[in-house]
Protein backbone atom coordinates (compact mmCIF):
# COMPACT_ATOMS: atom_id res chain seq x y z
CA MET A 1 -0.30 0.05 -0.09
CA ASP A 2 1.33 3.53 -1.14
CA HIS A 3 0.92 5.29 1.42
CA SER A 4 2.75 8.62 0.43
CA LYS A 5 0.06 9.44 -2.28
CA GLN A 6 -2.09 10.70 0.37
CA HIS A 7 -0.55 13.87 2.14
CA LEU A 8 1.61 16.85 1.02
CA ASN A 9 3.97 18.29 3.38
CA ARG A 10 4.52 21.31 2.27
CA GLY A 11 4.21 20.73 -1.55
CA LYS A 12 5.93 17.20 -1.06
CA ASN A 13 4.39 13.81 -0.75
CA THR A 14 5.29 12.16 2.31
CA MET A 15 3.69 9.12 4.09
CA PHE A 16 5.59 10.23 7.53
CA HIS A 17 2.95 13.20 9.12
CA GLY A 18 0.30 13.93 11.49
CA SER A 19 -0.18 12.02 15.24
CA ILE A 20 2.00 9.17 15.33
CA PRO A 21 1.69 7.14 18.80
CA ALA A 22 4.93 5.58 20.46
CA LEU A 23 2.89 2.96 21.64
CA VAL A 24 3.25 1.48 25.34
CA THR A 25 4.20 -2.47 25.27
CA PRO A 26 2.11 -3.99 27.61
CA PHE A 27 3.41 -6.45 30.29
CA LYS A 28 1.67 -8.83 32.28
CA ASN A 29 2.67 -11.49 34.59
CA GLY A 30 5.82 -9.57 33.49
CA ALA A 31 5.91 -11.26 30.08
CA VAL A 32 5.59 -8.58 26.95
CA ASP A 33 1.16 -9.30 26.64
CA LYS A 34 0.64 -9.66 23.10
CA LYS A 35 -3.09 -9.43 23.39
CA ALA A 36 -3.20 -6.39 24.91
CA PHE A 37 -0.71 -4.57 22.63
CA ALA A 38 -2.83 -6.15 19.18
CA GLU A 39 -6.05 -4.05 20.73
CA LEU A 40 -3.87 -1.01 21.39
CA VAL A 41 -3.28 -1.17 18.38
CA GLU A 42 -6.23 -1.57 16.82
CA ARG A 43 -8.05 1.27 18.96
CA GLN A 44 -4.95 3.50 17.21
CA ILE A 45 -6.33 2.53 13.77
CA ALA A 46 -9.52 3.28 14.43
CA GLY A 47 -8.71 6.36 16.32
CA GLY A 48 -7.18 7.96 13.30
CA SER A 49 -3.11 7.50 14.06
CA ALA A 50 -1.57 7.89 10.81
CA ALA A 51 1.28 5.69 11.37
CA LEU A 52 2.66 3.54 14.53
CA VAL A 53 6.30 3.57 16.07
CA PRO A 54 6.45 0.27 18.34
CA VAL A 55 9.40 -0.11 20.66
CA GLY A 56 10.47 3.36 20.79
CA THR A 57 11.03 4.98 24.04
CA THR A 58 7.92 5.02 25.01
CA GLY A 59 7.98 1.25 24.41
CA GLU A 60 10.29 0.63 27.04
CA THR A 61 12.82 -0.92 24.56
CA SER A 62 15.37 -0.19 26.87
CA THR A 63 14.46 -3.58 29.21
CA LEU A 64 13.31 -5.50 26.57
CA SER A 65 15.39 -8.42 25.82
CA THR A 66 16.25 -8.76 21.58
CA ASP A 67 13.40 -11.45 21.21
CA GLU A 68 10.89 -9.44 22.76
CA HIS A 69 11.93 -6.69 21.21
CA LYS A 70 11.27 -8.02 17.48
CA GLN A 71 8.51 -9.79 18.51
CA VAL A 72 6.60 -6.66 19.32
CA VAL A 73 8.01 -4.98 15.86
CA SER A 74 6.87 -8.30 13.83
CA LEU A 75 3.69 -8.09 16.05
CA CYS A 76 2.85 -4.57 14.94
CA VAL A 77 3.14 -5.03 11.42
CA GLU A 78 0.95 -7.82 11.30
CA VAL A 79 -1.81 -6.13 13.05
CA ALA A 80 -1.34 -3.22 11.34
CA ALA A 81 -1.71 -4.94 7.85
CA GLY A 82 -0.60 -2.13 6.01
CA ARG A 83 -3.29 0.03 6.59
CA VAL A 84 -0.77 2.57 8.07
CA PRO A 85 2.56 2.58 8.42
CA VAL A 86 4.97 1.25 10.63
CA ILE A 87 8.21 3.04 11.88
CA ALA A 88 9.94 0.37 13.67
CA GLY A 89 11.91 1.83 16.77
CA ALA A 90 15.56 0.02 16.13
CA GLY A 91 18.27 2.39 18.09
CA SER A 92 20.89 0.86 20.16
CA ASN A 93 24.17 2.23 21.98
CA SER A 94 25.73 -0.31 19.66
CA THR A 95 25.72 0.15 15.83
CA ASP A 96 26.19 -3.50 14.72
CA GLU A 97 22.84 -4.02 17.25
CA ALA A 98 20.93 -1.14 15.39
CA ILE A 99 21.77 -2.61 12.43
CA ASP A 100 20.45 -5.79 12.89
CA PHE A 101 17.38 -3.85 14.28
CA VAL A 102 16.51 -2.04 11.46
CA GLY A 103 17.72 -5.00 9.32
CA HIS A 104 14.68 -6.74 10.95
CA ALA A 105 12.31 -4.44 10.44
CA LYS A 106 12.94 -4.38 7.09
CA ALA A 107 12.71 -8.08 6.62
CA VAL A 108 9.25 -8.12 9.14
CA GLY A 109 7.83 -5.45 6.07
CA ALA A 110 8.26 -2.34 8.42
CA ASP A 111 8.08 1.45 6.09
CA ALA A 112 10.96 2.61 8.12
CA ALA A 113 13.19 2.69 11.42
CA LEU A 114 13.43 5.13 14.06
CA VAL A 115 17.10 5.26 14.84
CA VAL A 116 17.68 7.52 18.43
CA CYS A 117 21.67 8.71 18.34
CA PRO A 118 23.44 6.55 20.82
CA TYR A 119 23.23 6.88 24.65
CA TYR A 120 25.82 6.61 27.50
CA ASN A 121 28.94 6.16 24.85
CA ASN A 122 28.93 10.00 24.16
CA PRO A 123 29.87 10.27 20.88
CA ASN A 124 31.06 13.52 19.15
CA GLN A 125 29.51 14.87 16.27
CA ASP A 126 31.59 12.82 13.87
CA GLY A 127 30.81 9.80 15.55
CA LEU A 128 27.02 10.42 15.36
CA PHE A 129 27.77 10.30 11.48
CA ALA A 130 29.22 7.70 11.60
CA HIS A 131 27.05 5.61 13.40
CA PHE A 132 23.82 6.94 11.01
CA LYS A 133 25.89 6.36 7.72
CA ALA A 134 27.01 2.80 8.72
CA ILE A 135 23.43 1.80 9.29
CA ASN A 136 22.17 3.87 5.60
CA ASP A 137 24.94 1.54 4.21
CA ALA A 138 24.15 -1.45 5.64
CA VAL A 139 19.97 -1.65 4.92
CA THR A 140 18.24 -0.18 2.36
CA MET A 141 15.67 0.93 3.93
CA PRO A 142 13.92 4.81 5.25
CA VAL A 143 15.77 5.99 8.21
CA VAL A 144 14.31 8.70 10.75
CA LEU A 145 16.95 10.22 12.66
CA TYR A 146 15.82 10.63 16.80
CA ASN A 147 17.31 13.25 18.82
CA VAL A 148 16.15 13.34 22.32
CA PRO A 149 19.19 14.84 24.62
CA GLY A 150 17.27 14.55 27.80
CA ARG A 151 18.05 11.03 27.43
CA THR A 152 20.90 10.49 25.20
CA ILE A 153 22.99 13.15 26.59
CA VAL A 154 24.19 13.89 23.30
CA ASP A 155 22.47 16.43 20.89
CA LEU A 156 22.63 15.61 17.33
CA GLN A 157 23.59 19.55 15.62
CA PRO A 158 21.45 20.91 12.57
CA SER A 159 24.35 20.79 11.09
CA THR A 160 25.03 17.12 12.02
CA VAL A 161 21.29 16.62 10.20
CA ALA A 162 22.03 18.31 6.69
CA GLN A 163 24.99 16.00 6.40
CA LEU A 164 23.02 12.93 7.28
CA ALA A 165 20.11 14.05 5.26
CA ARG A 166 22.06 13.93 1.93
CA LEU A 167 22.62 9.90 2.47
CA PRO A 168 19.67 7.96 0.52
CA ASN A 169 17.95 6.19 3.13
CA VAL A 170 17.84 8.93 6.05
CA VAL A 171 14.21 10.42 5.09
CA GLY A 172 13.41 12.99 8.53
CA ILE A 173 13.85 13.26 11.55
CA LYS A 174 12.12 12.66 15.44
CA ASP A 175 13.58 16.10 16.88
CA ALA A 176 12.11 15.75 21.17
CA THR A 177 14.35 18.77 22.10
CA GLY A 178 11.24 20.79 22.14
CA ASP A 179 13.21 23.79 20.25
CA MET A 180 11.33 24.70 17.87
CA ASP A 181 13.90 26.74 15.73
CA ARG A 182 15.23 23.63 14.75
CA VAL A 183 12.55 22.76 12.64
CA SER A 184 13.65 26.11 10.54
CA GLN A 185 17.33 25.34 11.07
CA HIS A 186 17.26 21.85 9.38
CA ALA A 187 15.08 23.21 6.47
CA ALA A 188 17.80 26.13 5.90
CA LEU A 189 20.85 23.88 6.15
CA ILE A 190 19.08 20.87 4.09
CA GLY A 191 17.50 22.76 1.30
CA GLU A 192 13.85 23.69 0.89
CA GLY A 193 14.11 21.53 -2.85
CA GLU A 194 14.83 18.62 -0.66
CA GLN A 195 12.11 15.76 1.04
CA PHE A 196 12.79 15.72 4.36
CA VAL A 197 10.59 14.80 7.27
CA GLN A 198 10.67 16.72 10.64
CA LEU A 199 8.35 15.06 12.97
CA SER A 200 8.21 16.60 16.84
CA GLY A 201 8.64 13.78 20.01
CA ASP A 202 7.29 16.44 22.44
CA ASP A 203 3.52 16.50 22.49
CA PRO A 204 3.39 20.08 24.56
CA SER A 205 5.34 21.68 21.39
CA ALA A 206 3.96 19.70 18.57
CA LEU A 207 1.53 22.78 17.21
CA GLY A 208 3.79 25.00 17.54
CA HIS A 209 6.67 22.05 15.65
CA LEU A 210 3.71 22.30 12.78
CA SER A 211 3.38 26.13 12.26
CA MET A 212 6.97 26.31 11.73
CA GLY A 213 6.75 23.65 8.78
CA GLY A 214 6.58 20.38 10.75
CA ALA A 215 4.85 17.14 9.41
CA GLY A 216 3.41 15.61 12.67
CA CYS A 217 4.45 13.95 15.84
CA ILE A 218 5.90 10.55 17.62
CA SER A 219 3.30 11.77 20.84
CA VAL A 220 2.80 9.76 24.16
CA THR A 221 -0.12 11.54 24.70
CA ALA A 222 -2.00 9.71 21.37
CA ASN A 223 -1.25 6.76 23.59
CA VAL A 224 -4.52 7.50 25.64
CA MET A 225 -6.64 10.04 23.73
CA PRO A 226 -5.54 8.92 19.92
CA GLU A 227 -9.22 10.54 18.43
CA ALA A 228 -8.10 14.27 20.32
CA CYS A 229 -4.41 14.16 18.87
CA ALA A 230 -5.26 13.47 15.75
CA ALA A 231 -8.29 15.77 15.58
CA MET A 232 -5.87 18.10 15.95
CA HIS A 233 -3.50 16.92 13.27
CA LYS A 234 -6.09 17.32 10.92
CA ALA A 235 -7.25 20.51 12.09
CA PHE A 236 -4.17 21.97 11.54
CA ALA A 237 -3.38 20.31 8.42
CA ALA A 238 -7.06 21.42 6.92
CA GLY A 239 -6.19 25.46 7.55
CA ASP A 240 -8.51 25.28 11.16
CA ILE A 241 -6.01 26.86 12.84
CA GLU A 242 -8.65 27.71 15.84
CA THR A 243 -9.93 23.90 16.14
CA ALA A 244 -6.27 23.19 16.23
CA GLN A 245 -5.89 25.38 19.27
CA THR A 246 -9.01 24.37 21.04
CA ILE A 247 -7.53 20.51 20.73
CA GLU A 248 -4.16 21.65 21.92
CA ARG A 249 -5.59 23.54 25.09
CA ARG A 250 -7.39 20.62 25.72
CA LEU A 251 -4.75 18.17 25.86
CA ILE A 252 -2.29 20.56 27.29
CA ALA A 253 -2.12 19.19 31.22
CA LEU A 254 -2.35 15.67 29.95
CA HIS A 255 0.93 16.15 28.17
CA LYS A 256 2.51 17.73 30.84
CA ALA A 257 0.68 14.82 33.28
CA MET A 258 2.26 12.24 30.95
CA PHE A 259 6.01 13.22 32.62
CA CYS A 260 4.87 14.09 36.05
CA SER A 261 6.04 10.24 36.70
CA PRO A 262 8.84 8.90 34.79
CA SER A 263 7.52 7.73 31.25
CA PRO A 264 5.26 5.27 29.97
CA GLY A 265 4.16 5.24 33.60
CA PRO A 266 1.15 7.68 33.60
CA ALA A 267 0.44 6.81 29.75
CA LYS A 268 -0.07 2.94 31.07
CA TYR A 269 -1.59 4.53 34.33
CA VAL A 270 -4.49 6.36 32.51
CA LEU A 271 -4.49 3.06 29.70
CA HIS A 272 -5.45 0.96 33.00
CA ARG A 273 -8.26 2.79 34.34
CA LEU A 274 -9.72 2.75 30.85
CA GLY A 275 -9.26 -1.27 31.07
CA LEU A 276 -6.89 -1.23 28.27
CA CYS A 277 -3.66 -2.83 29.76
CA GLU A 278 -2.27 -4.01 32.95
CA PRO A 279 -0.14 -0.70 34.38
CA ASP A 280 3.19 -2.76 35.02
CA VAL A 281 6.45 -1.40 33.55
CA ARG A 282 9.56 -2.49 34.22
CA LEU A 283 12.15 -1.81 36.97
CA PRO A 284 14.07 0.19 37.36
CA LEU A 285 10.99 2.50 36.18
CA THR A 286 7.71 2.48 39.08
CA PRO A 287 4.22 3.49 38.33
CA PRO A 288 3.20 6.63 39.34
CA ASP A 289 2.55 6.97 43.08
CA ALA A 290 -0.19 8.29 44.94
CA ALA A 291 0.85 12.30 44.20
CA ALA A 292 1.12 11.40 40.56
CA ARG A 293 -2.02 9.55 40.48
CA GLU A 294 -3.49 12.75 41.59
CA GLN A 295 -1.99 14.93 38.34
CA ILE A 296 -2.89 12.75 36.22
CA ASP A 297 -6.94 12.41 36.99
CA ALA A 298 -6.88 15.97 36.66
CA ALA A 299 -5.36 16.51 33.88
CA MET A 300 -8.16 13.59 32.58
CA ALA A 301 -10.92 15.19 33.70
CA LEU A 302 -9.72 18.69 32.01
CA ALA A 303 -9.36 16.49 28.87
CA GLY A 304 -12.72 14.92 28.77
CA LEU A 305 -11.39 11.70 29.19
CA HIS A 306 -13.46 9.43 31.50
CA ALA A 307 -12.99 5.73 32.95
């Protein structure tokens, strides 16, 4: 299925746009709850999400085994069945392991790979370029860069992004810095004639990111309110800025609540309240405490989300 024919981003076709949930990985009795995960995928598609990201940061990829990681990607592709694109989380602080994950994503039919900057190693910009180039050279598959310095320590600078955008398989970036002028910096350095998809990774600033020229958001909040998140993006794309702003005001407290306790604990707490999965997270994460739950409950009420 060619999703790219359905959307224009600043006059250029792209399959990646709109509200894209960074899916949680539900657990039950210590194991991945595949039934609950499949049902969450169906809920996202029914809710209007434009694509899906399994095993990203919100999917607790850092505590999944290699087999679990690959099983969740395979299941997401299987359940989505071509109805929306799947951007498979495929990052690692080991370049060889990242190449393996990207190769697996391609083999099972994912549409792209989301590859985070290597964490803990603390490479410089040359090392970051070499990491992503090695992936580009090893597997012919669309790659979305993922810059989240709050988790990785390293910050993929716009000049390095521009260099990477010249590689044939690098098609875009998820930027979770919350720094909206990066959208303009990337566009200026890459050039208006190039197709490079810019996705926000920061729900509270996603509407601003769109206004700067972004195409969508890989979202935590979309886990719990897929319809509202999709509606905000669709309103903006249709030029109905007032409606987009109205929806965003309804969601802003929930965006903040999703990080009042280590993510994805708050999202799983809400999904549990909705009867969709267990609230379990894996150590070293712990569930939201009483104060966090109170904040999340209040945000749910403001958003009109009732269990």
